[in-house]
N, C-alpha and C. Protein backbone atom coordinates (compact mmCIF):
# COMPACT_ATOMS: atom_id res chain seq x y z
N MET A 1 50.74 -20.67 181.10
CA MET A 1 51.39 -19.41 180.82
C MET A 1 52.84 -19.51 181.29
N ALA A 2 53.75 -19.12 180.46
CA ALA A 2 55.16 -19.18 180.80
C ALA A 2 55.50 -18.07 181.79
N GLU A 3 56.50 -18.36 182.62
CA GLU A 3 56.90 -17.37 183.62
C GLU A 3 57.54 -16.17 182.92
N ARG A 4 57.17 -14.99 183.38
CA ARG A 4 57.69 -13.75 182.80
C ARG A 4 58.41 -13.00 183.90
N ARG A 5 59.57 -12.45 183.57
CA ARG A 5 60.34 -11.69 184.55
C ARG A 5 59.80 -10.27 184.62
N LEU A 6 59.87 -9.70 185.80
CA LEU A 6 59.41 -8.34 185.99
C LEU A 6 60.37 -7.35 185.34
N SER A 7 59.78 -6.31 184.78
CA SER A 7 60.62 -5.25 184.22
C SER A 7 61.21 -4.44 185.36
N LEU A 8 62.14 -3.55 185.04
CA LEU A 8 62.78 -2.70 186.05
C LEU A 8 61.72 -1.87 186.78
N PHE A 9 60.77 -1.31 186.05
CA PHE A 9 59.71 -0.51 186.66
C PHE A 9 58.86 -1.35 187.60
N GLU A 10 58.45 -2.53 187.16
CA GLU A 10 57.60 -3.39 187.98
C GLU A 10 58.34 -3.90 189.20
N LYS A 11 59.62 -4.23 189.04
CA LYS A 11 60.40 -4.78 190.14
C LYS A 11 60.56 -3.77 191.27
N TYR A 12 60.73 -2.51 190.93
CA TYR A 12 60.94 -1.47 191.94
C TYR A 12 59.74 -0.54 192.06
N LEU A 13 58.54 -1.07 191.90
CA LEU A 13 57.33 -0.26 191.96
C LEU A 13 57.20 0.49 193.28
N THR A 14 57.52 -0.17 194.37
CA THR A 14 57.44 0.48 195.68
C THR A 14 58.38 1.66 195.75
N LEU A 15 59.57 1.50 195.23
CA LEU A 15 60.54 2.60 195.21
C LEU A 15 60.02 3.77 194.38
N TRP A 16 59.40 3.47 193.23
CA TRP A 16 58.88 4.55 192.38
C TRP A 16 57.75 5.29 193.09
N VAL A 17 56.94 4.57 193.84
CA VAL A 17 55.87 5.22 194.59
C VAL A 17 56.46 6.17 195.62
N VAL A 18 57.49 5.72 196.34
CA VAL A 18 58.15 6.58 197.34
C VAL A 18 58.78 7.79 196.66
N VAL A 19 59.43 7.59 195.54
CA VAL A 19 60.05 8.70 194.80
C VAL A 19 58.99 9.71 194.37
N CYS A 20 57.86 9.23 193.88
CA CYS A 20 56.78 10.14 193.47
C CYS A 20 56.20 10.91 194.65
N ILE A 21 56.07 10.25 195.80
CA ILE A 21 55.58 10.94 196.99
C ILE A 21 56.55 12.04 197.39
N LEU A 22 57.84 11.72 197.41
CA LEU A 22 58.85 12.71 197.77
C LEU A 22 58.90 13.85 196.76
N ALA A 23 58.74 13.52 195.48
CA ALA A 23 58.72 14.56 194.44
C ALA A 23 57.51 15.47 194.63
N GLY A 24 56.37 14.91 194.99
CA GLY A 24 55.17 15.72 195.24
C GLY A 24 55.35 16.62 196.44
N ILE A 25 55.96 16.10 197.51
CA ILE A 25 56.23 16.93 198.69
C ILE A 25 57.20 18.04 198.33
N GLY A 26 58.24 17.70 197.57
CA GLY A 26 59.22 18.71 197.15
C GLY A 26 58.59 19.77 196.27
N LEU A 27 57.76 19.37 195.32
CA LEU A 27 57.08 20.33 194.45
C LEU A 27 56.17 21.25 195.26
N GLY A 28 55.48 20.68 196.25
CA GLY A 28 54.61 21.48 197.11
C GLY A 28 55.39 22.50 197.92
N ALA A 29 56.61 22.14 198.33
CA ALA A 29 57.43 23.07 199.11
C ALA A 29 58.03 24.16 198.23
N VAL A 30 58.45 23.79 197.01
CA VAL A 30 59.10 24.74 196.11
C VAL A 30 58.09 25.62 195.40
N ALA A 31 56.99 25.04 194.94
CA ALA A 31 55.99 25.79 194.17
C ALA A 31 54.59 25.48 194.69
N PRO A 32 54.21 26.04 195.85
CA PRO A 32 52.89 25.72 196.41
C PRO A 32 51.72 26.16 195.53
N GLY A 33 51.95 27.08 194.63
CA GLY A 33 50.89 27.53 193.75
C GLY A 33 50.44 26.48 192.76
N VAL A 34 51.28 25.47 192.50
CA VAL A 34 50.92 24.40 191.57
C VAL A 34 49.72 23.62 192.12
N ALA A 35 49.73 23.32 193.41
CA ALA A 35 48.62 22.58 194.02
C ALA A 35 47.33 23.39 193.94
N VAL A 36 47.42 24.68 194.16
CA VAL A 36 46.24 25.54 194.10
C VAL A 36 45.71 25.58 192.67
N ALA A 37 46.64 25.68 191.70
CA ALA A 37 46.22 25.73 190.29
C ALA A 37 45.57 24.41 189.87
N LEU A 38 46.15 23.27 190.28
CA LEU A 38 45.57 21.98 189.94
C LEU A 38 44.22 21.79 190.62
N ASP A 39 44.09 22.29 191.85
CA ASP A 39 42.84 22.15 192.57
C ASP A 39 41.72 22.97 191.94
N SER A 40 42.09 24.01 191.22
CA SER A 40 41.06 24.85 190.59
C SER A 40 40.39 24.14 189.40
N PHE A 41 41.01 23.08 188.88
CA PHE A 41 40.42 22.30 187.79
C PHE A 41 39.57 21.18 188.39
N SER A 42 38.38 21.53 188.84
CA SER A 42 37.50 20.52 189.41
C SER A 42 36.06 20.82 189.02
N ILE A 43 35.28 19.75 188.93
CA ILE A 43 33.87 19.86 188.62
C ILE A 43 33.13 19.11 189.72
N TYR A 44 32.23 19.80 190.42
CA TYR A 44 31.48 19.21 191.53
C TYR A 44 32.42 18.52 192.52
N GLN A 45 33.47 19.18 192.90
CA GLN A 45 34.49 18.72 193.85
C GLN A 45 35.21 17.45 193.40
N VAL A 46 35.21 17.19 192.10
CA VAL A 46 35.98 16.08 191.54
C VAL A 46 37.15 16.67 190.79
N SER A 47 38.35 16.32 191.22
CA SER A 47 39.56 16.86 190.61
C SER A 47 39.78 16.24 189.23
N ILE A 48 39.77 17.07 188.23
CA ILE A 48 39.97 16.58 186.86
C ILE A 48 41.39 16.03 186.67
N PRO A 49 42.46 16.71 187.16
CA PRO A 49 43.80 16.12 187.00
C PRO A 49 43.93 14.75 187.66
N ILE A 50 43.32 14.56 188.83
CA ILE A 50 43.39 13.25 189.49
C ILE A 50 42.59 12.22 188.70
N ALA A 51 41.43 12.61 188.18
CA ALA A 51 40.63 11.67 187.38
C ALA A 51 41.40 11.23 186.14
N ILE A 52 42.08 12.16 185.49
CA ILE A 52 42.88 11.82 184.30
C ILE A 52 44.03 10.89 184.67
N ALA A 53 44.72 11.20 185.77
CA ALA A 53 45.85 10.36 186.20
C ALA A 53 45.36 8.95 186.55
N LEU A 54 44.22 8.84 187.25
CA LEU A 54 43.69 7.53 187.58
C LEU A 54 43.30 6.75 186.33
N PHE A 55 42.72 7.43 185.35
CA PHE A 55 42.37 6.76 184.10
C PHE A 55 43.61 6.16 183.45
N PHE A 56 44.68 6.95 183.32
CA PHE A 56 45.88 6.45 182.67
C PHE A 56 46.59 5.38 183.50
N MET A 57 46.35 5.37 184.81
CA MET A 57 46.94 4.36 185.66
C MET A 57 46.18 3.03 185.54
N MET A 58 44.85 3.11 185.42
CA MET A 58 44.04 1.90 185.41
C MET A 58 43.77 1.34 184.01
N TYR A 59 43.73 2.16 183.01
CA TYR A 59 43.31 1.72 181.69
C TYR A 59 44.14 0.55 181.14
N PRO A 60 45.48 0.60 181.20
CA PRO A 60 46.24 -0.53 180.63
C PRO A 60 45.89 -1.87 181.26
N ILE A 61 45.59 -1.89 182.53
CA ILE A 61 45.27 -3.14 183.19
C ILE A 61 43.82 -3.52 182.94
N MET A 62 42.94 -2.52 182.89
CA MET A 62 41.52 -2.80 182.68
C MET A 62 41.28 -3.47 181.33
N VAL A 63 42.03 -3.13 180.31
CA VAL A 63 41.80 -3.74 179.00
C VAL A 63 42.28 -5.19 178.96
N LYS A 64 43.04 -5.60 179.98
CA LYS A 64 43.53 -6.98 180.04
C LYS A 64 42.66 -7.88 180.90
N ILE A 65 41.55 -7.36 181.42
CA ILE A 65 40.69 -8.16 182.28
C ILE A 65 40.01 -9.25 181.45
N ASP A 66 40.09 -10.45 181.95
CA ASP A 66 39.42 -11.58 181.33
C ASP A 66 38.08 -11.75 182.04
N PHE A 67 37.00 -11.34 181.38
CA PHE A 67 35.70 -11.36 182.02
C PHE A 67 35.22 -12.78 182.30
N ALA A 68 35.78 -13.77 181.64
CA ALA A 68 35.46 -15.16 181.96
C ALA A 68 35.93 -15.48 183.38
N GLU A 69 37.07 -14.92 183.78
CA GLU A 69 37.55 -15.13 185.14
C GLU A 69 36.66 -14.42 186.16
N VAL A 70 36.10 -13.29 185.78
CA VAL A 70 35.17 -12.59 186.67
C VAL A 70 33.94 -13.46 186.90
N LEU A 71 33.43 -14.07 185.85
CA LEU A 71 32.27 -14.97 185.99
C LEU A 71 32.63 -16.20 186.82
N MET A 72 33.87 -16.70 186.69
CA MET A 72 34.30 -17.84 187.50
C MET A 72 34.32 -17.47 188.98
N ALA A 73 34.61 -16.23 189.30
CA ALA A 73 34.60 -15.79 190.70
C ALA A 73 33.20 -15.93 191.29
N ALA A 74 32.18 -15.71 190.47
CA ALA A 74 30.81 -15.86 190.95
C ALA A 74 30.48 -17.33 191.22
N ARG A 75 31.14 -18.23 190.51
CA ARG A 75 30.89 -19.66 190.70
C ARG A 75 31.62 -20.20 191.93
N THR A 76 32.60 -19.48 192.42
CA THR A 76 33.34 -19.88 193.62
C THR A 76 33.19 -18.76 194.65
N PRO A 77 32.09 -18.77 195.38
CA PRO A 77 31.79 -17.64 196.26
C PRO A 77 32.62 -17.57 197.53
N LYS A 78 33.30 -18.64 197.93
CA LYS A 78 34.05 -18.61 199.19
C LYS A 78 35.13 -17.52 199.21
N PRO A 79 36.01 -17.44 198.20
CA PRO A 79 37.03 -16.38 198.25
C PRO A 79 36.42 -14.97 198.23
N VAL A 80 35.35 -14.79 197.46
CA VAL A 80 34.70 -13.48 197.40
C VAL A 80 34.08 -13.16 198.75
N ALA A 81 33.40 -14.13 199.36
CA ALA A 81 32.78 -13.92 200.67
C ALA A 81 33.84 -13.65 201.73
N LEU A 82 34.95 -14.38 201.68
CA LEU A 82 36.03 -14.14 202.64
C LEU A 82 36.61 -12.74 202.48
N THR A 83 36.81 -12.30 201.25
CA THR A 83 37.32 -10.96 201.00
C THR A 83 36.36 -9.90 201.52
N LEU A 84 35.08 -10.07 201.25
CA LEU A 84 34.08 -9.12 201.74
C LEU A 84 34.04 -9.10 203.27
N PHE A 85 34.11 -10.28 203.88
CA PHE A 85 34.11 -10.35 205.35
C PHE A 85 35.32 -9.63 205.94
N ILE A 86 36.48 -9.89 205.39
CA ILE A 86 37.70 -9.24 205.91
C ILE A 86 37.63 -7.73 205.70
N ASN A 87 37.20 -7.30 204.50
CA ASN A 87 37.16 -5.86 204.20
C ASN A 87 36.15 -5.10 205.05
N TRP A 88 35.04 -5.72 205.41
CA TRP A 88 33.97 -4.99 206.10
C TRP A 88 33.79 -5.36 207.55
N ALA A 89 34.26 -6.53 207.99
CA ALA A 89 34.07 -6.92 209.39
C ALA A 89 35.35 -6.90 210.21
N ILE A 90 36.50 -6.99 209.56
CA ILE A 90 37.76 -7.03 210.30
C ILE A 90 38.58 -5.75 210.10
N LYS A 91 38.76 -5.33 208.85
CA LYS A 91 39.61 -4.17 208.57
C LYS A 91 39.20 -2.89 209.28
N PRO A 92 37.91 -2.53 209.32
CA PRO A 92 37.58 -1.26 210.01
C PRO A 92 38.03 -1.23 211.47
N PHE A 93 37.93 -2.36 212.15
CA PHE A 93 38.30 -2.40 213.56
C PHE A 93 39.82 -2.41 213.75
N THR A 94 40.52 -3.15 212.90
CA THR A 94 41.98 -3.14 213.02
C THR A 94 42.54 -1.77 212.63
N ILE A 95 41.95 -1.15 211.63
CA ILE A 95 42.40 0.18 211.24
C ILE A 95 42.11 1.18 212.36
N TYR A 96 40.96 1.04 212.99
CA TYR A 96 40.63 1.91 214.12
C TYR A 96 41.67 1.76 215.23
N LEU A 97 42.02 0.53 215.57
CA LEU A 97 43.00 0.30 216.63
C LEU A 97 44.38 0.85 216.25
N ILE A 98 44.80 0.60 215.03
CA ILE A 98 46.11 1.10 214.59
C ILE A 98 46.13 2.62 214.54
N ALA A 99 45.08 3.22 213.96
CA ALA A 99 45.03 4.68 213.86
C ALA A 99 44.94 5.32 215.24
N THR A 100 44.17 4.71 216.15
CA THR A 100 44.07 5.26 217.50
C THR A 100 45.42 5.20 218.20
N PHE A 101 46.13 4.11 218.03
CA PHE A 101 47.46 4.00 218.65
C PHE A 101 48.40 5.08 218.12
N PHE A 102 48.48 5.19 216.81
CA PHE A 102 49.44 6.14 216.23
C PHE A 102 48.98 7.60 216.36
N LEU A 103 47.72 7.88 215.98
CA LEU A 103 47.25 9.27 215.99
C LEU A 103 46.79 9.73 217.37
N GLY A 104 46.23 8.82 218.16
CA GLY A 104 45.70 9.20 219.46
C GLY A 104 46.71 9.17 220.59
N TYR A 105 47.76 8.37 220.43
CA TYR A 105 48.73 8.25 221.51
C TYR A 105 50.14 8.60 221.07
N LEU A 106 50.66 7.87 220.10
CA LEU A 106 52.06 8.03 219.72
C LEU A 106 52.35 9.41 219.11
N PHE A 107 51.50 9.87 218.19
CA PHE A 107 51.75 11.14 217.51
C PHE A 107 50.69 12.20 217.83
N ALA A 108 49.98 12.05 218.94
CA ALA A 108 48.90 12.99 219.29
C ALA A 108 49.42 14.43 219.40
N GLY A 109 50.64 14.59 219.86
CA GLY A 109 51.20 15.93 219.99
C GLY A 109 51.45 16.63 218.66
N PHE A 110 51.52 15.87 217.59
CA PHE A 110 51.76 16.44 216.26
C PHE A 110 50.45 16.85 215.58
N VAL A 111 49.31 16.51 216.16
CA VAL A 111 48.02 16.82 215.57
C VAL A 111 47.20 17.64 216.58
N PRO A 112 47.63 18.88 216.85
CA PRO A 112 46.89 19.68 217.82
C PRO A 112 45.66 20.32 217.17
N GLY A 113 44.80 20.84 218.02
CA GLY A 113 43.67 21.59 217.51
C GLY A 113 42.38 20.80 217.55
N VAL A 114 41.32 21.49 217.13
CA VAL A 114 39.99 20.88 217.13
C VAL A 114 39.36 21.07 215.75
N ASP A 115 38.38 20.23 215.48
CA ASP A 115 37.62 20.28 214.24
C ASP A 115 36.21 20.73 214.57
N LEU A 116 35.69 21.70 213.82
CA LEU A 116 34.34 22.21 214.06
C LEU A 116 33.35 21.38 213.25
N LEU A 117 32.40 20.77 213.94
CA LEU A 117 31.39 19.94 213.29
C LEU A 117 30.22 20.81 212.82
N PRO A 118 29.43 20.31 211.86
CA PRO A 118 28.30 21.10 211.34
C PRO A 118 27.30 21.55 212.41
N ASP A 119 27.16 20.77 213.48
CA ASP A 119 26.22 21.17 214.53
C ASP A 119 26.80 22.20 215.50
N GLY A 120 28.03 22.63 215.27
CA GLY A 120 28.67 23.64 216.11
C GLY A 120 29.54 23.08 217.21
N SER A 121 29.49 21.78 217.45
CA SER A 121 30.35 21.19 218.47
C SER A 121 31.76 20.98 217.92
N THR A 122 32.67 20.71 218.81
CA THR A 122 34.06 20.50 218.39
C THR A 122 34.52 19.11 218.80
N VAL A 123 35.50 18.61 218.09
CA VAL A 123 36.12 17.33 218.38
C VAL A 123 37.61 17.48 218.12
N GLU A 124 38.43 16.75 218.88
CA GLU A 124 39.87 16.82 218.67
C GLU A 124 40.18 16.42 217.23
N LEU A 125 41.15 17.12 216.65
CA LEU A 125 41.47 16.90 215.24
C LEU A 125 41.95 15.48 214.98
N TRP A 126 42.70 14.90 215.91
CA TRP A 126 43.20 13.54 215.69
C TRP A 126 42.06 12.54 215.57
N ARG A 127 40.93 12.79 216.22
CA ARG A 127 39.78 11.89 216.10
C ARG A 127 39.18 11.96 214.69
N SER A 128 39.18 13.15 214.10
CA SER A 128 38.70 13.28 212.72
C SER A 128 39.63 12.52 211.76
N TYR A 129 40.92 12.57 212.03
CA TYR A 129 41.87 11.84 211.19
C TYR A 129 41.66 10.33 211.31
N ILE A 130 41.28 9.86 212.49
CA ILE A 130 41.00 8.43 212.66
C ILE A 130 39.82 8.03 211.77
N ALA A 131 38.79 8.87 211.74
CA ALA A 131 37.65 8.58 210.86
C ALA A 131 38.10 8.51 209.41
N GLY A 132 38.98 9.40 209.00
CA GLY A 132 39.51 9.36 207.63
C GLY A 132 40.32 8.11 207.37
N CYS A 133 41.10 7.68 208.35
CA CYS A 133 41.87 6.44 208.19
C CYS A 133 40.95 5.24 208.00
N ILE A 134 39.87 5.19 208.75
CA ILE A 134 38.93 4.08 208.62
C ILE A 134 38.32 4.07 207.21
N LEU A 135 37.92 5.24 206.73
CA LEU A 135 37.34 5.30 205.38
C LEU A 135 38.35 4.89 204.32
N LEU A 136 39.61 5.33 204.46
CA LEU A 136 40.63 4.93 203.49
C LEU A 136 40.92 3.44 203.57
N GLY A 137 40.90 2.90 204.76
CA GLY A 137 41.21 1.48 204.93
C GLY A 137 40.17 0.55 204.37
N ILE A 138 38.90 0.93 204.44
CA ILE A 138 37.86 0.03 203.95
C ILE A 138 37.61 0.18 202.46
N ALA A 139 38.25 1.16 201.84
CA ALA A 139 38.07 1.37 200.40
C ALA A 139 39.41 1.15 199.71
N PRO A 140 39.73 -0.09 199.38
CA PRO A 140 41.02 -0.34 198.73
C PRO A 140 41.12 0.39 197.40
N CYS A 141 42.29 0.88 197.11
CA CYS A 141 42.52 1.61 195.87
C CYS A 141 42.41 0.65 194.69
N THR A 142 41.44 0.90 193.83
CA THR A 142 41.19 0.03 192.69
C THR A 142 42.42 -0.11 191.81
N ALA A 143 43.09 0.99 191.58
CA ALA A 143 44.26 0.94 190.70
C ALA A 143 45.35 0.04 191.27
N MET A 144 45.59 0.13 192.57
CA MET A 144 46.64 -0.70 193.16
C MET A 144 46.21 -2.17 193.22
N VAL A 145 44.94 -2.43 193.49
CA VAL A 145 44.46 -3.81 193.49
C VAL A 145 44.65 -4.42 192.10
N LEU A 146 44.29 -3.67 191.07
CA LEU A 146 44.47 -4.16 189.71
C LEU A 146 45.95 -4.37 189.38
N MET A 147 46.78 -3.41 189.78
CA MET A 147 48.21 -3.50 189.46
C MET A 147 48.86 -4.68 190.18
N TRP A 148 48.61 -4.83 191.47
CA TRP A 148 49.23 -5.94 192.20
C TRP A 148 48.68 -7.28 191.71
N SER A 149 47.40 -7.33 191.35
CA SER A 149 46.83 -8.57 190.80
C SER A 149 47.50 -8.91 189.48
N TYR A 150 47.71 -7.89 188.66
CA TYR A 150 48.38 -8.09 187.37
C TYR A 150 49.80 -8.59 187.58
N LEU A 151 50.53 -7.97 188.51
CA LEU A 151 51.90 -8.39 188.77
C LEU A 151 51.95 -9.80 189.32
N ALA A 152 51.01 -10.13 190.20
CA ALA A 152 50.99 -11.48 190.78
C ALA A 152 50.71 -12.52 189.70
N ARG A 153 49.81 -12.23 188.80
CA ARG A 153 49.48 -13.17 187.74
C ARG A 153 50.66 -13.34 186.77
N GLU A 154 51.34 -12.25 186.47
CA GLU A 154 52.43 -12.32 185.50
C GLU A 154 53.66 -13.03 186.03
N THR A 155 53.81 -13.11 187.35
CA THR A 155 55.01 -13.72 187.88
C THR A 155 54.81 -15.17 188.29
N THR A 156 53.60 -15.68 188.17
CA THR A 156 53.36 -17.08 188.53
C THR A 156 53.44 -17.93 187.27
N ALA A 157 54.04 -19.06 187.41
CA ALA A 157 54.15 -19.99 186.26
C ALA A 157 53.05 -21.03 186.36
N SER A 158 52.49 -21.38 185.23
CA SER A 158 51.49 -22.45 185.24
C SER A 158 52.19 -23.79 185.09
N PRO A 159 51.61 -24.82 185.70
CA PRO A 159 52.27 -26.16 185.67
C PRO A 159 52.25 -26.79 184.31
C-alpha cells in the first residue's frame, strides 16, 4: 500500500475534538435547554441523538474492515491476549491510582458532597467518580479505536 498523507481534518483530529468539547460547553452555558431537549429523546435510557452520532462516526470505518484480517488475529493470539491482559489486569488498577490521586487528593476540594447509595448509606462523591473513571478506562471507545487504527494503517507504507 502506498503511503497516503493525512488530510487537514485527520492531521488535526485532536484539535477538532478539543474544539467540539469547548463548543459543547459553550452551548450548554448559552442554551442549557438544548441538553434537556436532547435528553428527552431517549428509549430505555438510551440517548437517540448519541446513538445516531455514534453510528455516523463509526459507519465509514466499519465498512472498510477487512474481515480476513480479523480472522488472522485469531491465528496470532499473542497480541490479542496481551491486549486483553493489559485492558483487564493492568488498566483498572492504574486508572484507580490516577483517579484517586487527582480526584481524591489533588482536586478533592472541587468535588464536595456525598452520594446516596440504594441501601441508604452515603459515600463521598469523589469516590463515586473514581468508580466511573475505572468503568470508562476499561471500556475503550470503539469509535476512537477504529479511527486511530484507520489512521495508523493509512499512514504506514508497505515495503
